[in-house]
Amino acid sequence: MFATTVEFVDYAVVIRKAKGLCRLCSEPFGVGKIEIDHIVPLSRNGTHTYNNVQAVHAVCNRRKSDKLMDEVAQVFENGRR
C-alpha cells in the first residue's frame, strides 16, 4: 500500500479549466461522457490534486489507461480519438 496526497477536487472547476476540449485528444467534448483523468495515475504514485487531474473524453481515458503522458503521446498526437 502506498500513501498519496489527496485534496478536494471540484470536477466542475477541472472541466471549466479544459475550456470545452479534451486534454488528451484536443477535440471538443460534445455530448460524450467527460471523465476526470489522473495525469500521473494513482497506481503510479500520482496525487489526487488539481495539478494532477484533467478533463478528458471517457474513450480517451480508456485508451490512456494507467500510462504516463509521454507513454501515450503518439496515440493522441494527431488529435484523433
PDB file of N, CA and C in Angstrom:
ATOM      1  N   MET A   1       0.842  -1.183   0.000  1.00  0.00           N
ATOM      2  CA  MET A   1       0.000   0.000   0.000  1.00  0.00           C
ATOM      3  C   MET A   1       0.887   1.246   0.000  1.00  0.00           C
ATOM      4  N   PHE A   2       0.449   2.276  -0.667  1.00  0.00           N
ATOM      5  CA  PHE A   2       1.238   3.495  -0.742  1.00  0.00           C
ATOM      6  C   PHE A   2       0.400   4.679  -0.296  1.00  0.00           C
ATOM      7  N   ALA A   3       1.076   5.706   0.175  1.00  0.00           N
ATOM      8  CA  ALA A   3       0.395   6.925   0.591  1.00  0.00           C
ATOM      9  C   ALA A   3       0.422   7.912  -0.559  1.00  0.00           C
ATOM     10  N   THR A   4      -0.666   8.625  -0.745  1.00  0.00           N
ATOM     11  CA  THR A   4      -0.734   9.630  -1.792  1.00  0.00           C
ATOM     12  C   THR A   4      -1.386  10.888  -1.246  1.00  0.00           C
ATOM     13  N   THR A   5      -1.109  12.006  -1.871  1.00  0.00           N
ATOM     14  CA  THR A   5      -1.724  13.261  -1.471  1.00  0.00           C
ATOM     15  C   THR A   5      -3.129  13.325  -2.062  1.00  0.00           C
ATOM     16  N   VAL A   6      -4.075  13.670  -1.217  1.00  0.00           N
ATOM     17  CA  VAL A   6      -5.464  13.786  -1.655  1.00  0.00           C
ATOM     18  C   VAL A   6      -5.998  15.130  -1.193  1.00  0.00           C
ATOM     19  N   GLU A   7      -6.565  15.889  -2.136  1.00  0.00           N
ATOM     20  CA  GLU A   7      -7.240  17.130  -1.782  1.00  0.00           C
ATOM     21  C   GLU A   7      -8.608  17.125  -2.449  1.00  0.00           C
ATOM     22  N   PHE A   8      -9.514  17.931  -1.940  1.00  0.00           N
ATOM     23  CA  PHE A   8     -10.818  18.052  -2.584  1.00  0.00           C
ATOM     24  C   PHE A   8     -10.618  18.655  -3.968  1.00  0.00           C
ATOM     25  N   VAL A   9     -11.161  17.993  -4.983  1.00  0.00           N
ATOM     26  CA  VAL A   9     -11.078  18.489  -6.351  1.00  0.00           C
ATOM     27  C   VAL A   9     -12.504  18.658  -6.865  1.00  0.00           C
ATOM     28  N   ASP A  10     -12.886  19.878  -7.157  1.00  0.00           N
ATOM     29  CA  ASP A  10     -14.208  20.177  -7.701  1.00  0.00           C
ATOM     30  C   ASP A  10     -14.167  19.896  -9.203  1.00  0.00           C
ATOM     31  N   TYR A  11     -14.836  18.842  -9.614  1.00  0.00           N
ATOM     32  CA  TYR A  11     -14.776  18.419 -11.020  1.00  0.00           C
ATOM     33  C   TYR A  11     -15.287  19.492 -11.967  1.00  0.00           C
ATOM     34  N   ALA A  12     -16.249  20.293 -11.525  1.00  0.00           N
ATOM     35  CA  ALA A  12     -16.761  21.375 -12.377  1.00  0.00           C
ATOM     36  C   ALA A  12     -15.648  22.379 -12.688  1.00  0.00           C
ATOM     37  N   VAL A  13     -14.778  22.634 -11.741  1.00  0.00           N
ATOM     38  CA  VAL A  13     -13.655  23.549 -11.952  1.00  0.00           C
ATOM     39  C   VAL A  13     -12.688  22.944 -12.971  1.00  0.00           C
ATOM     40  N   VAL A  14     -12.411  21.664 -12.854  1.00  0.00           N
ATOM     41  CA  VAL A  14     -11.493  20.981 -13.778  1.00  0.00           C
ATOM     42  C   VAL A  14     -12.060  21.009 -15.198  1.00  0.00           C
ATOM     43  N   ILE A  15     -13.353  20.776 -15.330  1.00  0.00           N
ATOM     44  CA  ILE A  15     -13.991  20.778 -16.651  1.00  0.00           C
ATOM     45  C   ILE A  15     -13.983  22.192 -17.249  1.00  0.00           C
ATOM     46  N   ARG A  16     -14.281  23.202 -16.446  1.00  0.00           N
ATOM     47  CA  ARG A  16     -14.229  24.593 -16.939  1.00  0.00           C
ATOM     48  C   ARG A  16     -12.825  24.962 -17.396  1.00  0.00           C
ATOM     49  N   LYS A  17     -11.832  24.525 -16.648  1.00  0.00           N
ATOM     50  CA  LYS A  17     -10.440  24.809 -16.977  1.00  0.00           C
ATOM     51  C   LYS A  17     -10.045  24.218 -18.334  1.00  0.00           C
ATOM     52  N   ALA A  18     -10.696  23.141 -18.733  1.00  0.00           N
ATOM     53  CA  ALA A  18     -10.399  22.492 -20.017  1.00  0.00           C
ATOM     54  C   ALA A  18     -10.947  23.293 -21.202  1.00  0.00           C
ATOM     55  N   LYS A  19     -11.826  24.241 -20.934  1.00  0.00           N
ATOM     56  CA  LYS A  19     -12.403  25.116 -21.965  1.00  0.00           C
ATOM     57  C   LYS A  19     -13.051  24.339 -23.111  1.00  0.00           C
ATOM     58  N   GLY A  20     -13.748  23.267 -22.746  1.00  0.00           N
ATOM     59  CA  GLY A  20     -14.520  22.522 -23.734  1.00  0.00           C
ATOM     60  C   GLY A  20     -13.738  21.529 -24.574  1.00  0.00           C
ATOM     61  N   LEU A  21     -12.444  21.358 -24.283  1.00  0.00           N
ATOM     62  CA  LEU A  21     -11.614  20.454 -25.082  1.00  0.00           C
ATOM     63  C   LEU A  21     -11.019  19.349 -24.220  1.00  0.00           C
ATOM     64  N   CYS A  22     -11.023  18.152 -24.758  1.00  0.00           N
ATOM     65  CA  CYS A  22     -10.378  17.014 -24.108  1.00  0.00           C
ATOM     66  C   CYS A  22      -8.887  17.292 -24.027  1.00  0.00           C
ATOM     67  N   ARG A  23      -8.295  17.087 -22.869  1.00  0.00           N
ATOM     68  CA  ARG A  23      -6.875  17.357 -22.672  1.00  0.00           C
ATOM     69  C   ARG A  23      -5.976  16.280 -23.300  1.00  0.00           C
ATOM     70  N   LEU A  24      -6.567  15.192 -23.768  1.00  0.00           N
ATOM     71  CA  LEU A  24      -5.768  14.153 -24.420  1.00  0.00           C
ATOM     72  C   LEU A  24      -5.803  14.271 -25.941  1.00  0.00           C
ATOM     73  N   CYS A  25      -6.993  14.397 -26.525  1.00  0.00           N
ATOM     74  CA  CYS A  25      -7.089  14.419 -27.989  1.00  0.00           C
ATOM     75  C   CYS A  25      -7.336  15.814 -28.552  1.00  0.00           C
ATOM     76  N   SER A  26      -7.624  16.783 -27.701  1.00  0.00           N
ATOM     77  CA  SER A  26      -7.865  18.188 -28.076  1.00  0.00           C
ATOM     78  C   SER A  26      -9.144  18.418 -28.867  1.00  0.00           C
ATOM     79  N   GLU A  27     -10.015  17.427 -28.928  1.00  0.00           N
ATOM     80  CA  GLU A  27     -11.307  17.596 -29.605  1.00  0.00           C
ATOM     81  C   GLU A  27     -12.352  18.092 -28.613  1.00  0.00           C
ATOM     82  N   PRO A  28     -13.398  18.785 -29.118  1.00  0.00           N
ATOM     83  CA  PRO A  28     -14.458  19.292 -28.234  1.00  0.00           C
ATOM     84  C   PRO A  28     -15.181  18.149 -27.522  1.00  0.00           C
ATOM     85  N   PHE A  29     -15.713  18.461 -26.357  1.00  0.00           N
ATOM     86  CA  PHE A  29     -16.427  17.453 -25.585  1.00  0.00           C
ATOM     87  C   PHE A  29     -17.723  16.996 -26.233  1.00  0.00           C
ATOM     88  N   GLY A  30     -18.541  17.876 -26.777  1.00  0.00           N
ATOM     89  CA  GLY A  30     -19.796  17.447 -27.388  1.00  0.00           C
ATOM     90  C   GLY A  30     -20.686  16.743 -26.383  1.00  0.00           C
ATOM     91  N   VAL A  31     -21.360  15.692 -26.840  1.00  0.00           N
ATOM     92  CA  VAL A  31     -22.325  15.009 -25.984  1.00  0.00           C
ATOM     93  C   VAL A  31     -21.756  13.776 -25.301  1.00  0.00           C
ATOM     94  N   GLY A  32     -20.540  13.402 -25.604  1.00  0.00           N
ATOM     95  CA  GLY A  32     -19.929  12.225 -24.989  1.00  0.00           C
ATOM     96  C   GLY A  32     -19.649  12.431 -23.513  1.00  0.00           C
ATOM     97  N   LYS A  33     -19.408  11.346 -22.825  1.00  0.00           N
ATOM     98  CA  LYS A  33     -19.139  11.398 -21.402  1.00  0.00           C
ATOM     99  C   LYS A  33     -17.760  11.995 -21.116  1.00  0.00           C
ATOM    100  N   ILE A  34     -17.723  12.898 -20.139  1.00  0.00           N
ATOM    101  CA  ILE A  34     -16.477  13.527 -19.703  1.00  0.00           C
ATOM    102  C   ILE A  34     -16.044  12.855 -18.404  1.00  0.00           C
ATOM    103  N   GLU A  35     -14.768  12.546 -18.315  1.00  0.00           N
ATOM    104  CA  GLU A  35     -14.225  11.962 -17.099  1.00  0.00           C
ATOM    105  C   GLU A  35     -13.039  12.795 -16.614  1.00  0.00           C
ATOM    106  N   ILE A  36     -12.685  12.584 -15.368  1.00  0.00           N
ATOM    107  CA  ILE A  36     -11.510  13.222 -14.788  1.00  0.00           C
ATOM    108  C   ILE A  36     -10.397  12.174 -14.760  1.00  0.00           C
ATOM    109  N   ASP A  37      -9.288  12.506 -15.405  1.00  0.00           N
ATOM    110  CA  ASP A  37      -8.137  11.611 -15.512  1.00  0.00           C
ATOM    111  C   ASP A  37      -7.021  12.092 -14.604  1.00  0.00           C
ATOM    112  N   HIS A  38      -6.324  11.156 -13.987  1.00  0.00           N
ATOM    113  CA  HIS A  38      -5.115  11.491 -13.228  1.00  0.00           C
ATOM    114  C   HIS A  38      -3.948  11.479 -14.206  1.00  0.00           C
ATOM    115  N   ILE A  39      -3.289  12.599 -14.378  1.00  0.00           N
ATOM    116  CA  ILE A  39      -2.176  12.723 -15.321  1.00  0.00           C
ATOM    117  C   ILE A  39      -1.101  11.699 -14.980  1.00  0.00           C
ATOM    118  N   VAL A  40      -0.665  11.673 -13.742  1.00  0.00           N
ATOM    119  CA  VAL A  40       0.165  10.575 -13.233  1.00  0.00           C
ATOM    120  C   VAL A  40      -0.807   9.692 -12.457  1.00  0.00           C
ATOM    121  N   PRO A  41      -1.079   8.488 -12.963  1.00  0.00           N
ATOM    122  CA  PRO A  41      -2.086   7.632 -12.331  1.00  0.00           C
ATOM    123  C   PRO A  41      -1.811   7.377 -10.848  1.00  0.00           C
ATOM    124  N   LEU A  42      -2.882   7.220 -10.096  1.00  0.00           N
ATOM    125  CA  LEU A  42      -2.747   6.904  -8.679  1.00  0.00           C
ATOM    126  C   LEU A  42      -1.951   5.614  -8.500  1.00  0.00           C
ATOM    127  N   SER A  43      -2.126   4.677  -9.425  1.00  0.00           N
ATOM    128  CA  SER A  43      -1.406   3.402  -9.341  1.00  0.00           C
ATOM    129  C   SER A  43       0.100   3.569  -9.537  1.00  0.00           C
ATOM    130  N   ARG A  44       0.500   4.765 -10.004  1.00  0.00           N
ATOM    131  CA  ARG A  44       1.926   5.050 -10.183  1.00  0.00           C
ATOM    132  C   ARG A  44       2.372   6.184  -9.257  1.00  0.00           C
ATOM    133  N   ASN A  45       1.719   6.210  -8.105  1.00  0.00           N
ATOM    134  CA  ASN A  45       2.017   7.175  -7.038  1.00  0.00           C
ATOM    135  C   ASN A  45       1.657   8.616  -7.386  1.00  0.00           C
ATOM    136  N   GLY A  46       0.700   8.807  -8.284  1.00  0.00           N
ATOM    137  CA  GLY A  46       0.193  10.141  -8.570  1.00  0.00           C
ATOM    138  C   GLY A  46      -0.673  10.637  -7.428  1.00  0.00           C
ATOM    139  N   THR A  47      -0.983  11.914  -7.448  1.00  0.00           N
ATOM    140  CA  THR A  47      -1.780  12.527  -6.393  1.00  0.00           C
ATOM    141  C   THR A  47      -3.179  12.859  -6.904  1.00  0.00           C
ATOM    142  N   HIS A  48      -4.110  12.976  -5.978  1.00  0.00           N
ATOM    143  CA  HIS A  48      -5.461  13.428  -6.326  1.00  0.00           C
ATOM    144  C   HIS A  48      -5.526  14.904  -5.952  1.00  0.00           C
ATOM    145  N   THR A  49      -4.921  15.736  -6.833  1.00  0.00           N
ATOM    146  CA  THR A  49      -4.837  17.180  -6.612  1.00  0.00           C
ATOM    147  C   THR A  49      -5.149  17.886  -7.927  1.00  0.00           C
ATOM    148  N   TYR A  50      -5.449  19.176  -7.840  1.00  0.00           N
ATOM    149  CA  TYR A  50      -5.739  19.949  -9.053  1.00  0.00           C
ATOM    150  C   TYR A  50      -4.601  19.885 -10.066  1.00  0.00           C
ATOM    151  N   ASN A  51      -3.370  19.831  -9.603  1.00  0.00           N
ATOM    152  CA  ASN A  51      -2.219  19.796 -10.516  1.00  0.00           C
ATOM    153  C   ASN A  51      -2.073  18.470 -11.248  1.00  0.00           C
ATOM    154  N   ASN A  52      -2.806  17.442 -10.821  1.00  0.00           N
ATOM    155  CA  ASN A  52      -2.643  16.120 -11.415  1.00  0.00           C
ATOM    156  C   ASN A  52      -3.926  15.574 -12.033  1.00  0.00           C
ATOM    157  N   VAL A  53      -4.921  16.399 -12.250  1.00  0.00           N
ATOM    158  CA  VAL A  53      -6.152  15.926 -12.887  1.00  0.00           C
ATOM    159  C   VAL A  53      -6.468  16.769 -14.115  1.00  0.00           C
ATOM    160  N   GLN A  54      -7.160  16.138 -15.065  1.00  0.00           N
ATOM    161  CA  GLN A  54      -7.545  16.828 -16.297  1.00  0.00           C
ATOM    162  C   GLN A  54      -8.861  16.233 -16.787  1.00  0.00           C
ATOM    163  N   ALA A  55      -9.623  17.044 -17.504  1.00  0.00           N
ATOM    164  CA  ALA A  55     -10.896  16.596 -18.077  1.00  0.00           C
ATOM    165  C   ALA A  55     -10.624  15.962 -19.441  1.00  0.00           C
ATOM    166  N   VAL A  56     -11.189  14.776 -19.655  1.00  0.00           N
ATOM    167  CA  VAL A  56     -10.965  14.029 -20.892  1.00  0.00           C
ATOM    168  C   VAL A  56     -12.236  13.294 -21.306  1.00  0.00           C
ATOM    169  N   HIS A  57     -12.305  12.906 -22.590  1.00  0.00           N
ATOM    170  CA  HIS A  57     -13.384  12.018 -23.038  1.00  0.00           C
ATOM    171  C   HIS A  57     -13.224  10.667 -22.340  1.00  0.00           C
ATOM    172  N   ALA A  58     -14.325  10.013 -22.080  1.00  0.00           N
ATOM    173  CA  ALA A  58     -14.266   8.683 -21.457  1.00  0.00           C
ATOM    174  C   ALA A  58     -13.451   7.721 -22.319  1.00  0.00           C
ATOM    175  N   VAL A  59     -13.662   7.764 -23.627  1.00  0.00           N
ATOM    176  CA  VAL A  59     -12.946   6.855 -24.522  1.00  0.00           C
ATOM    177  C   VAL A  59     -11.440   7.147 -24.515  1.00  0.00           C
ATOM    178  N   CYS A  60     -11.061   8.400 -24.421  1.00  0.00           N
ATOM    179  CA  CYS A  60      -9.638   8.767 -24.352  1.00  0.00           C
ATOM    180  C   CYS A  60      -9.033   8.281 -23.040  1.00  0.00           C
ATOM    181  N   ASN A  61      -9.789   8.388 -21.973  1.00  0.00           N
ATOM    182  CA  ASN A  61      -9.314   7.922 -20.671  1.00  0.00           C
ATOM    183  C   ASN A  61      -9.051   6.418 -20.705  1.00  0.00           C
ATOM    184  N   ARG A  62      -9.904   5.671 -21.391  1.00  0.00           N
ATOM    185  CA  ARG A  62      -9.699   4.216 -21.513  1.00  0.00           C
ATOM    186  C   ARG A  62      -8.442   3.911 -22.318  1.00  0.00           C
ATOM    187  N   ARG A  63      -8.207   4.692 -23.361  1.00  0.00           N
ATOM    188  CA  ARG A  63      -7.005   4.476 -24.189  1.00  0.00           C
ATOM    189  C   ARG A  63      -5.729   4.798 -23.417  1.00  0.00           C
ATOM    190  N   LYS A  64      -5.788   5.835 -22.598  1.00  0.00           N
ATOM    191  CA  LYS A  64      -4.605   6.203 -21.807  1.00  0.00           C
ATOM    192  C   LYS A  64      -4.326   5.165 -20.736  1.00  0.00           C
ATOM    193  N   SER A  65      -5.389   4.657 -20.122  1.00  0.00           N
ATOM    194  CA  SER A  65      -5.278   3.654 -19.074  1.00  0.00           C
ATOM    195  C   SER A  65      -4.391   4.162 -17.936  1.00  0.00           C
ATOM    196  N   ASP A  66      -3.425   3.369 -17.509  1.00  0.00           N
ATOM    197  CA  ASP A  66      -2.560   3.778 -16.390  1.00  0.00           C
ATOM    198  C   ASP A  66      -1.181   4.225 -16.861  1.00  0.00           C
ATOM    199  N   LYS A  67      -1.137   4.722 -18.088  1.00  0.00           N
ATOM    200  CA  LYS A  67       0.138   5.163 -18.651  1.00  0.00           C
ATOM    201  C   LYS A  67       0.405   6.633 -18.308  1.00  0.00           C
ATOM    202  N   LEU A  68       1.675   7.002 -18.401  1.00  0.00           N
ATOM    203  CA  LEU A  68       2.066   8.398 -18.251  1.00  0.00           C
ATOM    204  C   LEU A  68       1.872   9.107 -19.582  1.00  0.00           C
ATOM    205  N   MET A  69       1.810  10.418 -19.559  1.00  0.00           N
ATOM    206  CA  MET A  69       1.546  11.182 -20.778  1.00  0.00           C
ATOM    207  C   MET A  69       2.590  10.929 -21.860  1.00  0.00           C
ATOM    208  N   ASP A  70       3.860  10.834 -21.504  1.00  0.00           N
ATOM    209  CA  ASP A  70       4.876  10.602 -22.537  1.00  0.00           C
ATOM    210  C   ASP A  70       4.780   9.205 -23.131  1.00  0.00           C
ATOM    211  N   GLU A  71       4.140   8.283 -22.441  1.00  0.00           N
ATOM    212  CA  GLU A  71       3.959   6.926 -22.951  1.00  0.00           C
ATOM    213  C   GLU A  71       2.812   6.837 -23.957  1.00  0.00           C
ATOM    214  N   VAL A  72       1.923   7.807 -23.955  1.00  0.00           N
ATOM    215  CA  VAL A  72       0.777   7.784 -24.872  1.00  0.00           C
ATOM    216  C   VAL A  72       0.774   8.953 -25.844  1.00  0.00           C
ATOM    217  N   ALA A  73       1.827   9.732 -25.860  1.00  0.00           N
ATOM    218  CA  ALA A  73       1.869  10.937 -26.699  1.00  0.00           C
ATOM    219  C   ALA A  73       1.591  10.636 -28.159  1.00  0.00           C
ATOM    220  N   GLN A  74       2.165   9.588 -28.714  1.00  0.00           N
ATOM    221  CA  GLN A  74       1.961   9.273 -30.126  1.00  0.00           C
ATOM    222  C   GLN A  74       0.523   8.859 -30.405  1.00  0.00           C
ATOM    223  N   VAL A  75      -0.120   8.232 -29.460  1.00  0.00           N
ATOM    224  CA  VAL A  75      -1.510   7.800 -29.652  1.00  0.00           C
ATOM    225  C   VAL A  75      -2.417   9.005 -29.897  1.00  0.00           C
ATOM    226  N   PHE A  76      -2.152  10.106 -29.202  1.00  0.00           N
ATOM    227  CA  PHE A  76      -3.013  11.274 -29.283  1.00  0.00           C
ATOM    228  C   PHE A  76      -2.421  12.434 -30.078  1.00  0.00           C
ATOM    229  N   GLU A  77      -1.251  12.279 -30.669  1.00  0.00           N
ATOM    230  CA  GLU A  77      -0.589  13.413 -31.311  1.00  0.00           C
ATOM    231  C   GLU A  77      -1.364  14.023 -32.466  1.00  0.00           C
ATOM    232  N   ASN A  78      -2.192  13.263 -33.129  1.00  0.00           N
ATOM    233  CA  ASN A  78      -2.959  13.798 -34.259  1.00  0.00           C
ATOM    234  C   ASN A  78      -4.317  14.335 -33.842  1.00  0.00           C
ATOM    235  N   GLY A  79      -4.609  14.333 -32.567  1.00  0.00           N
ATOM    236  CA  GLY A  79      -5.875  14.874 -32.085  1.00  0.00           C
ATOM    237  C   GLY A  79      -7.067  13.988 -32.377  1.00  0.00           C
ATOM    238  N   ARG A  80      -6.819  12.741 -32.743  1.00  0.00           N
ATOM    239  CA  ARG A  80      -7.929  11.817 -33.019  1.00  0.00           C
ATOM    240  C   ARG A  80      -8.140  10.880 -31.847  1.00  0.00           C
ATOM    241  N   ARG A  81      -9.424  10.601 -31.595  1.00  0.00           N
ATOM    242  CA  ARG A  81      -9.742   9.650 -30.531  1.00  0.00           C
ATOM    243  C   ARG A  81      -9.657   8.252 -31.024  1.00  0.00           C
TER     244      ARG A  81
END
